Amino acid sequence: MGFGTEAEQYARAWTRIYPNPRAGTIPTKVLETFPKACALAVDTMCFRPYSSLGNKTLAQVFHFGRKDQNMIEEAAQRLAAGIDPGIVPERYLIGAARHALDKRLARPGVITENFYKELVRR
């Protein structure tokens, strides 16, 4: 899907939080089967055709790649600064606000206010 670096970052964060999952309460069978189950779930949800989507996959209907993520990150910078985020699709504004919050680009109240102002403007 084009987000290998991010996937690796999440995997590292997970192993920092849970360095030895077997020491916790997650059942052994769940731990043993998770990699395969996760891959199957992603494949089924994203890459298998659905009749309700015109026999297309979710990945075909809702394309999201690096270009889209870059657009969200740029909109986050603009939202945090109180600048018009431009022609970014409305559905990306939520991601932009989340990114601005996660990266602490501005105070939460500023991001929230600018987010709602932009929604109203549209």
PDB file of N, CA and C in Angstrom:
ATOM      1  N   MET A   1       0.819  -1.198   0.000  1.00  0.00           N
ATOM      2  CA  MET A   1       0.000   0.000   0.000  1.00  0.00           C
ATOM      3  C   MET A   1       0.863   1.262   0.000  1.00  0.00           C
ATOM      4  N   GLY A   2       2.166   1.078   0.166  1.00  0.00           N
ATOM      5  CA  GLY A   2       3.054   2.230   0.103  1.00  0.00           C
ATOM      6  C   GLY A   2       3.408   2.864   1.434  1.00  0.00           C
ATOM      7  N   PHE A   3       3.116   2.192   2.517  1.00  0.00           N
ATOM      8  CA  PHE A   3       3.385   2.764   3.835  1.00  0.00           C
ATOM      9  C   PHE A   3       4.252   1.835   4.677  1.00  0.00           C
ATOM     10  N   GLY A   4       5.268   1.259   4.052  1.00  0.00           N
ATOM     11  CA  GLY A   4       6.157   0.325   4.742  1.00  0.00           C
ATOM     12  C   GLY A   4       6.878   0.945   5.924  1.00  0.00           C
ATOM     13  N   THR A   5       7.357   2.170   5.762  1.00  0.00           N
ATOM     14  CA  THR A   5       8.070   2.845   6.854  1.00  0.00           C
ATOM     15  C   THR A   5       7.162   3.022   8.059  1.00  0.00           C
ATOM     16  N   GLU A   6       5.932   3.463   7.808  1.00  0.00           N
ATOM     17  CA  GLU A   6       4.984   3.659   8.902  1.00  0.00           C
ATOM     18  C   GLU A   6       4.651   2.336   9.577  1.00  0.00           C
ATOM     19  N   ALA A   7       4.492   1.285   8.797  1.00  0.00           N
ATOM     20  CA  ALA A   7       4.205  -0.035   9.369  1.00  0.00           C
ATOM     21  C   ALA A   7       5.338  -0.484  10.279  1.00  0.00           C
ATOM     22  N   GLU A   8       6.567  -0.256   9.843  1.00  0.00           N
ATOM     23  CA  GLU A   8       7.723  -0.618  10.674  1.00  0.00           C
ATOM     24  C   GLU A   8       7.760   0.204  11.960  1.00  0.00           C
ATOM     25  N   GLN A   9       7.406   1.489  11.874  1.00  0.00           N
ATOM     26  CA  GLN A   9       7.374   2.341  13.070  1.00  0.00           C
ATOM     27  C   GLN A   9       6.334   1.833  14.067  1.00  0.00           C
ATOM     28  N   TYR A  10       5.165   1.454  13.563  1.00  0.00           N
ATOM     29  CA  TYR A  10       4.131   0.922  14.454  1.00  0.00           C
ATOM     30  C   TYR A  10       4.567  -0.405  15.065  1.00  0.00           C
ATOM     31  N   ALA A  11       5.226  -1.237  14.293  1.00  0.00           N
ATOM     32  CA  ALA A  11       5.711  -2.521  14.822  1.00  0.00           C
ATOM     33  C   ALA A  11       6.741  -2.296  15.922  1.00  0.00           C
ATOM     34  N   ARG A  12       7.646  -1.334  15.710  1.00  0.00           N
ATOM     35  CA  ARG A  12       8.642  -1.025  16.750  1.00  0.00           C
ATOM     36  C   ARG A  12       7.973  -0.470  18.005  1.00  0.00           C
ATOM     37  N   ALA A  13       6.989   0.401  17.824  1.00  0.00           N
ATOM     38  CA  ALA A  13       6.277   0.957  18.980  1.00  0.00           C
ATOM     39  C   ALA A  13       5.574  -0.157  19.756  1.00  0.00           C
ATOM     40  N   TRP A  14       4.937  -1.074  19.024  1.00  0.00           N
ATOM     41  CA  TRP A  14       4.240  -2.198  19.659  1.00  0.00           C
ATOM     42  C   TRP A  14       5.209  -3.036  20.487  1.00  0.00           C
ATOM     43  N   THR A  15       6.382  -3.333  19.924  1.00  0.00           N
ATOM     44  CA  THR A  15       7.322  -4.185  20.659  1.00  0.00           C
ATOM     45  C   THR A  15       7.982  -3.446  21.821  1.00  0.00           C
ATOM     46  N   ARG A  16       8.014  -2.117  21.766  1.00  0.00           N
ATOM     47  CA  ARG A  16       8.488  -1.357  22.937  1.00  0.00           C
ATOM     48  C   ARG A  16       7.458  -1.428  24.064  1.00  0.00           C
ATOM     49  N   ILE A  17       6.193  -1.324  23.695  1.00  0.00           N
ATOM     50  CA  ILE A  17       5.126  -1.373  24.699  1.00  0.00           C
ATOM     51  C   ILE A  17       4.967  -2.790  25.242  1.00  0.00           C
ATOM     52  N   TYR A  18       5.047  -3.772  24.355  1.00  0.00           N
ATOM     53  CA  TYR A  18       4.856  -5.173  24.726  1.00  0.00           C
ATOM     54  C   TYR A  18       6.088  -5.981  24.318  1.00  0.00           C
ATOM     55  N   PRO A  19       7.207  -5.833  25.036  1.00  0.00           N
ATOM     56  CA  PRO A  19       8.432  -6.525  24.632  1.00  0.00           C
ATOM     57  C   PRO A  19       8.310  -8.047  24.689  1.00  0.00           C
ATOM     58  N   ASN A  20       7.478  -8.547  25.588  1.00  0.00           N
ATOM     59  CA  ASN A  20       7.280  -9.994  25.686  1.00  0.00           C
ATOM     60  C   ASN A  20       5.790 -10.268  25.856  1.00  0.00           C
ATOM     61  N   PRO A  21       5.043 -10.308  24.744  1.00  0.00           N
ATOM     62  CA  PRO A  21       3.597 -10.499  24.849  1.00  0.00           C
ATOM     63  C   PRO A  21       3.204 -11.788  25.558  1.00  0.00           C
ATOM     64  N   ARG A  22       4.054 -12.794  25.517  1.00  0.00           N
ATOM     65  CA  ARG A  22       3.734 -14.075  26.159  1.00  0.00           C
ATOM     66  C   ARG A  22       3.680 -13.943  27.680  1.00  0.00           C
ATOM     67  N   ALA A  23       4.280 -12.881  28.207  1.00  0.00           N
ATOM     68  CA  ALA A  23       4.247 -12.667  29.652  1.00  0.00           C
ATOM     69  C   ALA A  23       2.908 -12.077  30.100  1.00  0.00           C
ATOM     70  N   GLY A  24       2.100 -11.624  29.151  1.00  0.00           N
ATOM     71  CA  GLY A  24       0.817 -11.008  29.485  1.00  0.00           C
ATOM     72  C   GLY A  24      -0.326 -12.000  29.451  1.00  0.00           C
ATOM     73  N   THR A  25      -1.503 -11.482  29.172  1.00  0.00           N
ATOM     74  CA  THR A  25      -2.717 -12.298  29.220  1.00  0.00           C
ATOM     75  C   THR A  25      -3.255 -12.665  27.835  1.00  0.00           C
ATOM     76  N   ILE A  26      -2.509 -12.338  26.787  1.00  0.00           N
ATOM     77  CA  ILE A  26      -2.964 -12.701  25.446  1.00  0.00           C
ATOM     78  C   ILE A  26      -2.758 -14.206  25.270  1.00  0.00           C
ATOM     79  N   PRO A  27      -3.819 -14.929  24.910  1.00  0.00           N
ATOM     80  CA  PRO A  27      -3.688 -16.385  24.756  1.00  0.00           C
ATOM     81  C   PRO A  27      -2.616 -16.760  23.727  1.00  0.00           C
ATOM     82  N   THR A  28      -1.907 -17.832  23.998  1.00  0.00           N
ATOM     83  CA  THR A  28      -0.820 -18.302  23.139  1.00  0.00           C
ATOM     84  C   THR A  28      -1.284 -18.513  21.705  1.00  0.00           C
ATOM     85  N   LYS A  29      -2.453 -19.116  21.525  1.00  0.00           N
ATOM     86  CA  LYS A  29      -2.960 -19.377  20.171  1.00  0.00           C
ATOM     87  C   LYS A  29      -3.171 -18.073  19.398  1.00  0.00           C
ATOM     88  N   VAL A  30      -3.622 -17.035  20.084  1.00  0.00           N
ATOM     89  CA  VAL A  30      -3.812 -15.737  19.426  1.00  0.00           C
ATOM     90  C   VAL A  30      -2.461 -15.193  18.978  1.00  0.00           C
ATOM     91  N   LEU A  31      -1.477 -15.249  19.855  1.00  0.00           N
ATOM     92  CA  LEU A  31      -0.134 -14.772  19.507  1.00  0.00           C
ATOM     93  C   LEU A  31       0.457 -15.549  18.338  1.00  0.00           C
ATOM     94  N   GLU A  32       0.273 -16.846  18.346  1.00  0.00           N
ATOM     95  CA  GLU A  32       0.853 -17.694  17.297  1.00  0.00           C
ATOM     96  C   GLU A  32       0.198 -17.481  15.936  1.00  0.00           C
ATOM     97  N   THR A  33      -1.088 -17.209  15.931  1.00  0.00           N
ATOM     98  CA  THR A  33      -1.812 -17.102  14.665  1.00  0.00           C
ATOM     99  C   THR A  33      -1.997 -15.664  14.188  1.00  0.00           C
ATOM    100  N   PHE A  34      -1.613 -14.691  15.001  1.00  0.00           N
ATOM    101  CA  PHE A  34      -1.871 -13.294  14.643  1.00  0.00           C
ATOM    102  C   PHE A  34      -1.265 -12.876  13.304  1.00  0.00           C
ATOM    103  N   PRO A  35       0.008 -13.154  13.016  1.00  0.00           N
ATOM    104  CA  PRO A  35       0.554 -12.687  11.728  1.00  0.00           C
ATOM    105  C   PRO A  35      -0.264 -13.161  10.524  1.00  0.00           C
ATOM    106  N   LYS A  36      -0.642 -14.431  10.533  1.00  0.00           N
ATOM    107  CA  LYS A  36      -1.430 -14.959   9.412  1.00  0.00           C
ATOM    108  C   LYS A  36      -2.842 -14.368   9.414  1.00  0.00           C
ATOM    109  N   ALA A  37      -3.457 -14.291  10.588  1.00  0.00           N
ATOM    110  CA  ALA A  37      -4.815 -13.749  10.686  1.00  0.00           C
ATOM    111  C   ALA A  37      -4.850 -12.283  10.251  1.00  0.00           C
ATOM    112  N   CYS A  38      -3.858 -11.523  10.645  1.00  0.00           N
ATOM    113  CA  CYS A  38      -3.785 -10.109  10.275  1.00  0.00           C
ATOM    114  C   CYS A  38      -3.655  -9.962   8.762  1.00  0.00           C
ATOM    115  N   ALA A  39      -2.750 -10.724   8.166  1.00  0.00           N
ATOM    116  CA  ALA A  39      -2.559 -10.667   6.714  1.00  0.00           C
ATOM    117  C   ALA A  39      -3.840 -11.057   5.973  1.00  0.00           C
ATOM    118  N   LEU A  40      -4.528 -12.083   6.456  1.00  0.00           N
ATOM    119  CA  LEU A  40      -5.783 -12.505   5.827  1.00  0.00           C
ATOM    120  C   LEU A  40      -6.866 -11.442   5.962  1.00  0.00           C
ATOM    121  N   ALA A  41      -6.944 -10.809   7.126  1.00  0.00           N
ATOM    122  CA  ALA A  41      -7.952  -9.770   7.343  1.00  0.00           C
ATOM    123  C   ALA A  41      -7.720  -8.587   6.403  1.00  0.00           C
ATOM    124  N   VAL A  42      -6.485  -8.134   6.302  1.00  0.00           N
ATOM    125  CA  VAL A  42      -6.172  -7.010   5.411  1.00  0.00           C
ATOM    126  C   VAL A  42      -6.450  -7.395   3.964  1.00  0.00           C
ATOM    127  N   ASP A  43      -6.033  -8.582   3.566  1.00  0.00           N
ATOM    128  CA  ASP A  43      -6.274  -9.042   2.202  1.00  0.00           C
ATOM    129  C   ASP A  43      -7.771  -9.095   1.901  1.00  0.00           C
ATOM    130  N   THR A  44      -8.537  -9.648   2.835  1.00  0.00           N
ATOM    131  CA  THR A  44      -9.984  -9.774   2.638  1.00  0.00           C
ATOM    132  C   THR A  44     -10.657  -8.408   2.563  1.00  0.00           C
ATOM    133  N   MET A  45     -10.315  -7.517   3.472  1.00  0.00           N
ATOM    134  CA  MET A  45     -10.970  -6.203   3.507  1.00  0.00           C
ATOM    135  C   MET A  45     -10.545  -5.297   2.358  1.00  0.00           C
ATOM    136  N   CYS A  46      -9.283  -5.322   2.000  1.00  0.00           N
ATOM    137  CA  CYS A  46      -8.759  -4.344   1.044  1.00  0.00           C
ATOM    138  C   CYS A  46      -8.598  -4.847  -0.384  1.00  0.00           C
ATOM    139  N   PHE A  47      -8.331  -6.130  -0.557  1.00  0.00           N
ATOM    140  CA  PHE A  47      -7.919  -6.605  -1.874  1.00  0.00           C
ATOM    141  C   PHE A  47      -8.794  -7.693  -2.479  1.00  0.00           C
ATOM    142  N   ARG A  48      -9.964  -7.931  -1.912  1.00  0.00           N
ATOM    143  CA  ARG A  48     -10.916  -8.891  -2.484  1.00  0.00           C
ATOM    144  C   ARG A  48     -12.114  -8.116  -3.018  1.00  0.00           C
ATOM    145  N   PRO A  49     -12.615  -8.491  -4.197  1.00  0.00           N
ATOM    146  CA  PRO A  49     -13.748  -7.762  -4.775  1.00  0.00           C
ATOM    147  C   PRO A  49     -15.050  -7.999  -4.000  1.00  0.00           C
ATOM    148  N   TYR A  50     -15.859  -6.969  -3.957  1.00  0.00           N
ATOM    149  CA  TYR A  50     -17.175  -7.020  -3.306  1.00  0.00           C
ATOM    150  C   TYR A  50     -18.238  -6.674  -4.340  1.00  0.00           C
ATOM    151  N   SER A  51     -19.293  -7.447  -4.378  1.00  0.00           N
ATOM    152  CA  SER A  51     -20.371  -7.163  -5.331  1.00  0.00           C
ATOM    153  C   SER A  51     -20.990  -5.798  -5.055  1.00  0.00           C
ATOM    154  N   SER A  52     -21.056  -5.409  -3.785  1.00  0.00           N
ATOM    155  CA  SER A  52     -21.629  -4.105  -3.432  1.00  0.00           C
ATOM    156  C   SER A  52     -20.764  -2.939  -3.906  1.00  0.00           C
ATOM    157  N   LEU A  53     -19.524  -3.239  -4.311  1.00  0.00           N
ATOM    158  CA  LEU A  53     -18.629  -2.208  -4.848  1.00  0.00           C
ATOM    159  C   LEU A  53     -18.435  -2.392  -6.354  1.00  0.00           C
ATOM    160  N   GLY A  54     -19.393  -3.053  -6.981  1.00  0.00           N
ATOM    161  CA  GLY A  54     -19.294  -3.281  -8.422  1.00  0.00           C
ATOM    162  C   GLY A  54     -18.210  -4.270  -8.782  1.00  0.00           C
ATOM    163  N   ASN A  55     -18.029  -5.264  -7.919  1.00  0.00           N
ATOM    164  CA  ASN A  55     -16.987  -6.283  -8.091  1.00  0.00           C
ATOM    165  C   ASN A  55     -15.581  -5.687  -8.138  1.00  0.00           C
ATOM    166  N   LYS A  56     -15.416  -4.601  -7.397  1.00  0.00           N
ATOM    167  CA  LYS A  56     -14.091  -3.991  -7.242  1.00  0.00           C
ATOM    168  C   LYS A  56     -13.644  -4.181  -5.801  1.00  0.00           C
ATOM    169  N   THR A  57     -12.349  -3.998  -5.589  1.00  0.00           N
ATOM    170  CA  THR A  57     -11.819  -4.091  -4.229  1.00  0.00           C
ATOM    171  C   THR A  57     -11.935  -2.734  -3.550  1.00  0.00           C
ATOM    172  N   LEU A  58     -11.885  -2.742  -2.243  1.00  0.00           N
ATOM    173  CA  LEU A  58     -11.908  -1.487  -1.494  1.00  0.00           C
ATOM    174  C   LEU A  58     -10.728  -0.609  -1.899  1.00  0.00           C
ATOM    175  N   ALA A  59      -9.573  -1.217  -2.125  1.00  0.00           N
ATOM    176  CA  ALA A  59      -8.387  -0.466  -2.542  1.00  0.00           C
ATOM    177  C   ALA A  59      -8.589   0.191  -3.910  1.00  0.00           C
ATOM    178  N   GLN A  60      -9.388  -0.419  -4.774  1.00  0.00           N
ATOM    179  CA  GLN A  60      -9.669   0.179  -6.081  1.00  0.00           C
ATOM    180  C   GLN A  60     -10.666   1.324  -5.971  1.00  0.00           C
ATOM    181  N   VAL A  61     -11.626   1.185  -5.076  1.00  0.00           N
ATOM    182  CA  VAL A  61     -12.676   2.189  -4.939  1.00  0.00           C
ATOM    183  C   VAL A  61     -12.201   3.396  -4.137  1.00  0.00           C
ATOM    184  N   PHE A  62     -11.476   3.148  -3.075  1.00  0.00           N
ATOM    185  CA  PHE A  62     -10.979   4.216  -2.209  1.00  0.00           C
ATOM    186  C   PHE A  62      -9.457   4.221  -2.245  1.00  0.00           C
ATOM    187  N   HIS A  63      -8.914   4.771  -3.309  1.00  0.00           N
ATOM    188  CA  HIS A  63      -7.453   4.826  -3.428  1.00  0.00           C
ATOM    189  C   HIS A  63      -6.888   5.782  -2.377  1.00  0.00           C
ATOM    190  N   PHE A  64      -5.836   5.352  -1.721  1.00  0.00           N
ATOM    191  CA  PHE A  64      -5.136   6.204  -0.765  1.00  0.00           C
ATOM    192  C   PHE A  64      -3.673   5.813  -0.796  1.00  0.00           C
ATOM    193  N   GLY A  65      -2.842   6.738  -1.221  1.00  0.00           N
ATOM    194  CA  GLY A  65      -1.412   6.466  -1.325  1.00  0.00           C
ATOM    195  C   GLY A  65      -0.583   7.570  -0.706  1.00  0.00           C
ATOM    196  N   ARG A  66       0.692   7.535  -0.984  1.00  0.00           N
ATOM    197  CA  ARG A  66       1.633   8.507  -0.423  1.00  0.00           C
ATOM    198  C   ARG A  66       1.230   9.943  -0.764  1.00  0.00           C
ATOM    199  N   LYS A  67       0.779  10.166  -2.011  1.00  0.00           N
ATOM    200  CA  LYS A  67       0.364  11.507  -2.432  1.00  0.00           C
ATOM    201  C   LYS A  67      -0.768  12.032  -1.541  1.00  0.00           C
ATOM    202  N   ASP A  68      -1.707  11.155  -1.218  1.00  0.00           N
ATOM    203  CA  ASP A  68      -2.834  11.547  -0.371  1.00  0.00           C
ATOM    204  C   ASP A  68      -2.361  11.879   1.042  1.00  0.00           C
ATOM    205  N   GLN A  69      -1.457  11.055   1.571  1.00  0.00           N
ATOM    206  CA  GLN A  69      -0.925  11.313   2.910  1.00  0.00           C
ATOM    207  C   GLN A  69      -0.158  12.630   2.941  1.00  0.00           C
ATOM    208  N   ASN A  70       0.602  12.916   1.898  1.00  0.00           N
ATOM    209  CA  ASN A  70       1.322  14.191   1.831  1.00  0.00           C
ATOM    210  C   ASN A  70       0.355  15.366   1.829  1.00  0.00           C
ATOM    211  N   MET A  71      -0.767  15.203   1.122  1.00  0.00           N
ATOM    212  CA  MET A  71      -1.787  16.246   1.086  1.00  0.00           C
ATOM    213  C   MET A  71      -2.358  16.484   2.486  1.00  0.00           C
ATOM    214  N   ILE A  72      -2.584  15.420   3.221  1.00  0.00           N
ATOM    215  CA  ILE A  72      -3.097  15.525   4.590  1.00  0.00           C
ATOM    216  C   ILE A  72      -2.093  16.240   5.480  1.00  0.00           C
ATOM    217  N   GLU A  73      -0.823  15.890   5.355  1.00  0.00           N
ATOM    218  CA  GLU A  73       0.203  16.507   6.198  1.00  0.00           C
ATOM    219  C   GLU A  73       0.371  17.990   5.886  1.00  0.00           C
ATOM    220  N   GLU A  74       0.272  18.355   4.612  1.00  0.00           N
ATOM    221  CA  GLU A  74       0.340  19.774   4.252  1.00  0.00           C
ATOM    222  C   GLU A  74      -0.878  20.519   4.790  1.00  0.00           C
ATOM    223  N   ALA A  75      -2.052  19.910   4.675  1.00  0.00           N
ATOM    224  CA  ALA A  75      -3.265  20.532   5.211  1.00  0.00           C
ATOM    225  C   ALA A  75      -3.171  20.677   6.728  1.00  0.00           C
ATOM    226  N   ALA A  76      -2.520  19.740   7.400  1.00  0.00           N
ATOM    227  CA  ALA A  76      -2.331  19.828   8.855  1.00  0.00           C
ATOM    228  C   ALA A  76      -1.507  21.057   9.210  1.00  0.00           C
ATOM    229  N   GLN A  77      -0.437  21.290   8.467  1.00  0.00           N
ATOM    230  CA  GLN A  77       0.399  22.477   8.703  1.00  0.00           C
ATOM    231  C   GLN A  77      -0.433  23.747   8.538  1.00  0.00           C
ATOM    232  N   ARG A  78      -1.249  23.769   7.498  1.00  0.00           N
ATOM    233  CA  ARG A  78      -2.059  24.953   7.212  1.00  0.00           C
ATOM    234  C   ARG A  78      -3.156  25.142   8.263  1.00  0.00           C
ATOM    235  N   LEU A  79      -3.817  24.059   8.646  1.00  0.00           N
ATOM    236  CA  LEU A  79      -4.844  24.167   9.690  1.00  0.00           C
ATOM    237  C   LEU A  79      -4.248  24.709  10.978  1.00  0.00           C
ATOM    238  N   ALA A  80      -3.093  24.191  11.357  1.00  0.00           N
ATOM    239  CA  ALA A  80      -2.447  24.614  12.596  1.00  0.00           C
ATOM    240  C   ALA A  80      -2.070  26.086  12.547  1.00  0.00           C
ATOM    241  N   ALA A  81      -1.716  26.574  11.360  1.00  0.00           N
ATOM    242  CA  ALA A  81      -1.304  27.970  11.205  1.00  0.00           C
ATOM    243  C   ALA A  81      -2.482  28.898  10.934  1.00  0.00           C
ATOM    244  N   GLY A  82      -3.673  28.340  10.786  1.00  0.00           N
ATOM    245  CA  GLY A  82      -4.845  29.161  10.507  1.00  0.00           C
ATOM    246  C   GLY A  82      -4.918  29.618   9.063  1.00  0.00           C
ATOM    247  N   ILE A  83      -4.254  28.889   8.175  1.00  0.00           N
ATOM    248  CA  ILE A  83      -4.233  29.211   6.746  1.00  0.00           C
ATOM    249  C   ILE A  83      -5.198  28.273   6.024  1.00  0.00           C
ATOM    250  N   ASP A  84      -5.861  28.804   5.010  1.00  0.00           N
ATOM    251  CA  ASP A  84      -6.761  27.993   4.186  1.00  0.00           C
ATOM    252  C   ASP A  84      -6.014  26.747   3.705  1.00  0.00           C
ATOM    253  N   PRO A  85      -6.540  25.540   4.015  1.00  0.00           N
ATOM    254  CA  PRO A  85      -5.832  24.324   3.609  1.00  0.00           C
ATOM    255  C   PRO A  85      -5.899  24.040   2.115  1.00  0.00           C
ATOM    256  N   GLY A  86      -6.578  24.868   1.368  1.00  0.00           N
ATOM    257  CA  GLY A  86      -6.626  24.688  -0.076  1.00  0.00           C
ATOM    258  C   GLY A  86      -7.710  23.728  -0.510  1.00  0.00           C
ATOM    259  N   ILE A  87      -7.467  23.048  -1.611  1.00  0.00           N
ATOM    260  CA  ILE A  87      -8.506  22.218  -2.229  1.00  0.00           C
ATOM    261  C   ILE A  87      -8.500  20.782  -1.720  1.00  0.00           C
ATOM    262  N   VAL A  88      -7.942  20.569  -0.557  1.00  0.00           N
ATOM    263  CA  VAL A  88      -7.914  19.225   0.024  1.00  0.00           C
ATOM    264  C   VAL A  88      -9.354  18.713   0.180  1.00  0.00           C
ATOM    265  N   PRO A  89      -9.618  17.462  -0.208  1.00  0.00           N
ATOM    266  CA  PRO A  89     -10.971  16.918  -0.040  1.00  0.00           C
ATOM    267  C   PRO A  89     -11.413  16.954   1.432  1.00  0.00           C
ATOM    268  N   GLU A  90     -12.691  17.187   1.644  1.00  0.00           N
ATOM    269  CA  GLU A  90     -13.224  17.282   3.006  1.00  0.00           C
ATOM    270  C   GLU A  90     -12.869  16.065   3.844  1.00  0.00           C
ATOM    271  N   ARG A  91     -12.906  14.890   3.224  1.00  0.00           N
ATOM    272  CA  ARG A  91     -12.642  13.667   3.983  1.00  0.00           C
ATOM    273  C   ARG A  91     -11.221  13.628   4.532  1.00  0.00           C
ATOM    274  N   TYR A  92     -10.326  14.437   3.986  1.00  0.00           N
ATOM    275  CA  TYR A  92      -8.952  14.476   4.477  1.00  0.00           C
ATOM    276  C   TYR A  92      -8.772  15.462   5.631  1.00  0.00           C
ATOM    277  N   LEU A  93      -9.755  16.316   5.866  1.00  0.00           N
ATOM    278  CA  LEU A  93      -9.620  17.301   6.944  1.00  0.00           C
ATOM    279  C   LEU A  93      -9.527  16.637   8.313  1.00  0.00           C
ATOM    280  N   ILE A  94     -10.247  15.549   8.514  1.00  0.00           N
ATOM    281  CA  ILE A  94     -10.169  14.844   9.795  1.00  0.00           C
ATOM    282  C   ILE A  94      -8.757  14.317  10.000  1.00  0.00           C
ATOM    283  N   GLY A  95      -8.191  13.696   8.976  1.00  0.00           N
ATOM    284  CA  GLY A  95      -6.815  13.216   9.062  1.00  0.00           C
ATOM    285  C   GLY A  95      -5.833  14.352   9.278  1.00  0.00           C
ATOM    286  N   ALA A  96      -6.090  15.489   8.640  1.00  0.00           N
ATOM    287  CA  ALA A  96      -5.210  16.651   8.805  1.00  0.00           C
ATOM    288  C   ALA A  96      -5.258  17.159  10.243  1.00  0.00           C
ATOM    289  N   ALA A  97      -6.460  17.239  10.800  1.00  0.00           N
ATOM    290  CA  ALA A  97      -6.585  17.682  12.195  1.00  0.00           C
ATOM    291  C   ALA A  97      -5.898  16.692  13.127  1.00  0.00           C
ATOM    292  N   ARG A  98      -6.086  15.414  12.876  1.00  0.00           N
ATOM    293  CA  ARG A  98      -5.448  14.382  13.711  1.00  0.00           C
ATOM    294  C   ARG A  98      -3.921  14.471  13.621  1.00  0.00           C
ATOM    295  N   HIS A  99      -3.414  14.651  12.417  1.00  0.00           N
ATOM    296  CA  HIS A  99      -1.966  14.767  12.222  1.00  0.00           C
ATOM    297  C   HIS A  99      -1.441  16.009  12.951  1.00  0.00           C
ATOM    298  N   ALA A 100      -2.159  17.120  12.835  1.00  0.00           N
ATOM    299  CA  ALA A 100      -1.741  18.352  13.516  1.00  0.00           C
ATOM    300  C   ALA A 100      -1.716  18.154  15.028  1.00  0.00           C
ATOM    301  N   LEU A 101      -2.702  17.437  15.556  1.00  0.00           N
ATOM    302  CA  LEU A 101      -2.723  17.148  16.998  1.00  0.00           C
ATOM    303  C   LEU A 101      -1.576  16.226  17.389  1.00  0.00           C
ATOM    304  N   ASP A 102      -1.391  15.149  16.627  1.00  0.00           N
ATOM    305  CA  ASP A 102      -0.333  14.176  16.936  1.00  0.00           C
ATOM    306  C   ASP A 102       1.051  14.804  16.907  1.00  0.00           C
ATOM    307  N   LYS A 103       1.266  15.710  15.960  1.00  0.00           N
ATOM    308  CA  LYS A 103       2.582  16.344  15.806  1.00  0.00           C
ATOM    309  C   LYS A 103       2.712  17.630  16.626  1.00  0.00           C
ATOM    310  N   ARG A 104       1.638  17.957  17.358  1.00  0.00           N
ATOM    311  CA  ARG A 104       1.625  19.163  18.205  1.00  0.00           C
ATOM    312  C   ARG A 104       1.996  20.411  17.408  1.00  0.00           C
ATOM    313  N   LEU A 105       1.361  20.550  16.263  1.00  0.00           N
ATOM    314  CA  LEU A 105       1.644  21.686  15.391  1.00  0.00           C
ATOM    315  C   LEU A 105       1.031  22.974  15.918  1.00  0.00           C
ATOM    316  N   ALA A 106       0.042  22.850  16.787  1.00  0.00           N
ATOM    317  CA  ALA A 106      -0.597  23.996  17.438  1.00  0.00           C
ATOM    318  C   ALA A 106      -1.353  23.455  18.647  1.00  0.00           C
ATOM    319  N   ARG A 107      -1.858  24.368  19.459  1.00  0.00           N
ATOM    320  CA  ARG A 107      -2.659  23.944  20.612  1.00  0.00           C
ATOM    321  C   ARG A 107      -3.933  23.258  20.111  1.00  0.00           C
ATOM    322  N   PRO A 108      -4.428  22.262  20.849  1.00  0.00           N
ATOM    323  CA  PRO A 108      -5.629  21.542  20.403  1.00  0.00           C
ATOM    324  C   PRO A 108      -6.813  22.459  20.094  1.00  0.00           C
ATOM    325  N   GLY A 109      -7.019  23.479  20.920  1.00  0.00           N
ATOM    326  CA  GLY A 109      -8.131  24.396  20.680  1.00  0.00           C
ATOM    327  C   GLY A 109      -8.005  25.146  19.367  1.00  0.00           C
ATOM    328  N   VAL A 110      -6.798  25.512  19.008  1.00  0.00           N
ATOM    329  CA  VAL A 110      -6.547  26.217  17.745  1.00  0.00           C
ATOM    330  C   VAL A 110      -6.855  25.297  16.566  1.00  0.00           C
ATOM    331  N   ILE A 111      -6.381  24.073  16.646  1.00  0.00           N
ATOM    332  CA  ILE A 111      -6.625  23.104  15.565  1.00  0.00           C
ATOM    333  C   ILE A 111      -8.119  22.838  15.427  1.00  0.00           C
ATOM    334  N   THR A 112      -8.791  22.639  16.556  1.00  0.00           N
ATOM    335  CA  THR A 112     -10.234  22.376  16.538  1.00  0.00           C
ATOM    336  C   THR A 112     -10.992  23.545  15.916  1.00  0.00           C
ATOM    337  N   GLU A 113     -10.674  24.755  16.353  1.00  0.00           N
ATOM    338  CA  GLU A 113     -11.360  25.943  15.828  1.00  0.00           C
ATOM    339  C   GLU A 113     -11.134  26.083  14.324  1.00  0.00           C
ATOM    340  N   ASN A 114      -9.905  25.926  13.886  1.00  0.00           N
ATOM    341  CA  ASN A 114      -9.606  26.059  12.458  1.00  0.00           C
ATOM    342  C   ASN A 114     -10.247  24.944  11.638  1.00  0.00           C
ATOM    343  N   PHE A 115     -10.316  23.754  12.203  1.00  0.00           N
ATOM    344  CA  PHE A 115     -10.972  22.626  11.535  1.00  0.00           C
ATOM    345  C   PHE A 115     -12.447  22.941  11.286  1.00  0.00           C
ATOM    346  N   TYR A 116     -13.153  23.388  12.341  1.00  0.00           N
ATOM    347  CA  TYR A 116     -14.581  23.665  12.180  1.00  0.00           C
ATOM    348  C   TYR A 116     -14.830  24.874  11.291  1.00  0.00           C
ATOM    349  N   LYS A 117     -13.982  25.877  11.361  1.00  0.00           N
ATOM    350  CA  LYS A 117     -14.124  27.028  10.461  1.00  0.00           C
ATOM    351  C   LYS A 117     -14.036  26.575   9.007  1.00  0.00           C
ATOM    352  N   GLU A 118     -13.100  25.675   8.741  1.00  0.00           N
ATOM    353  CA  GLU A 118     -12.929  25.187   7.371  1.00  0.00           C
ATOM    354  C   GLU A 118     -14.126  24.345   6.932  1.00  0.00           C
ATOM    355  N   LEU A 119     -14.663  23.529   7.822  1.00  0.00           N
ATOM    356  CA  LEU A 119     -15.852  22.738   7.463  1.00  0.00           C
ATOM    357  C   LEU A 119     -17.038  23.644   7.153  1.00  0.00           C
ATOM    358  N   VAL A 120     -17.228  24.675   7.968  1.00  0.00           N
ATOM    359  CA  VAL A 120     -18.343  25.602   7.752  1.00  0.00           C
ATOM    360  C   VAL A 120     -18.163  26.345   6.431  1.00  0.00           C
ATOM    361  N   ARG A 121     -16.936  26.725   6.130  1.00  0.00           N
ATOM    362  CA  ARG A 121     -16.643  27.468   4.904  1.00  0.00           C
ATOM    363  C   ARG A 121     -17.024  26.660   3.660  1.00  0.00           C
ATOM    364  N   ARG A 122     -16.910  25.360   3.754  1.00  0.00           N
ATOM    365  CA  ARG A 122     -17.191  24.517   2.591  1.00  0.00           C
ATOM    366  C   ARG A 122     -18.675  24.295   2.446  1.00  0.00           C
TER     367      ARG A 122
END
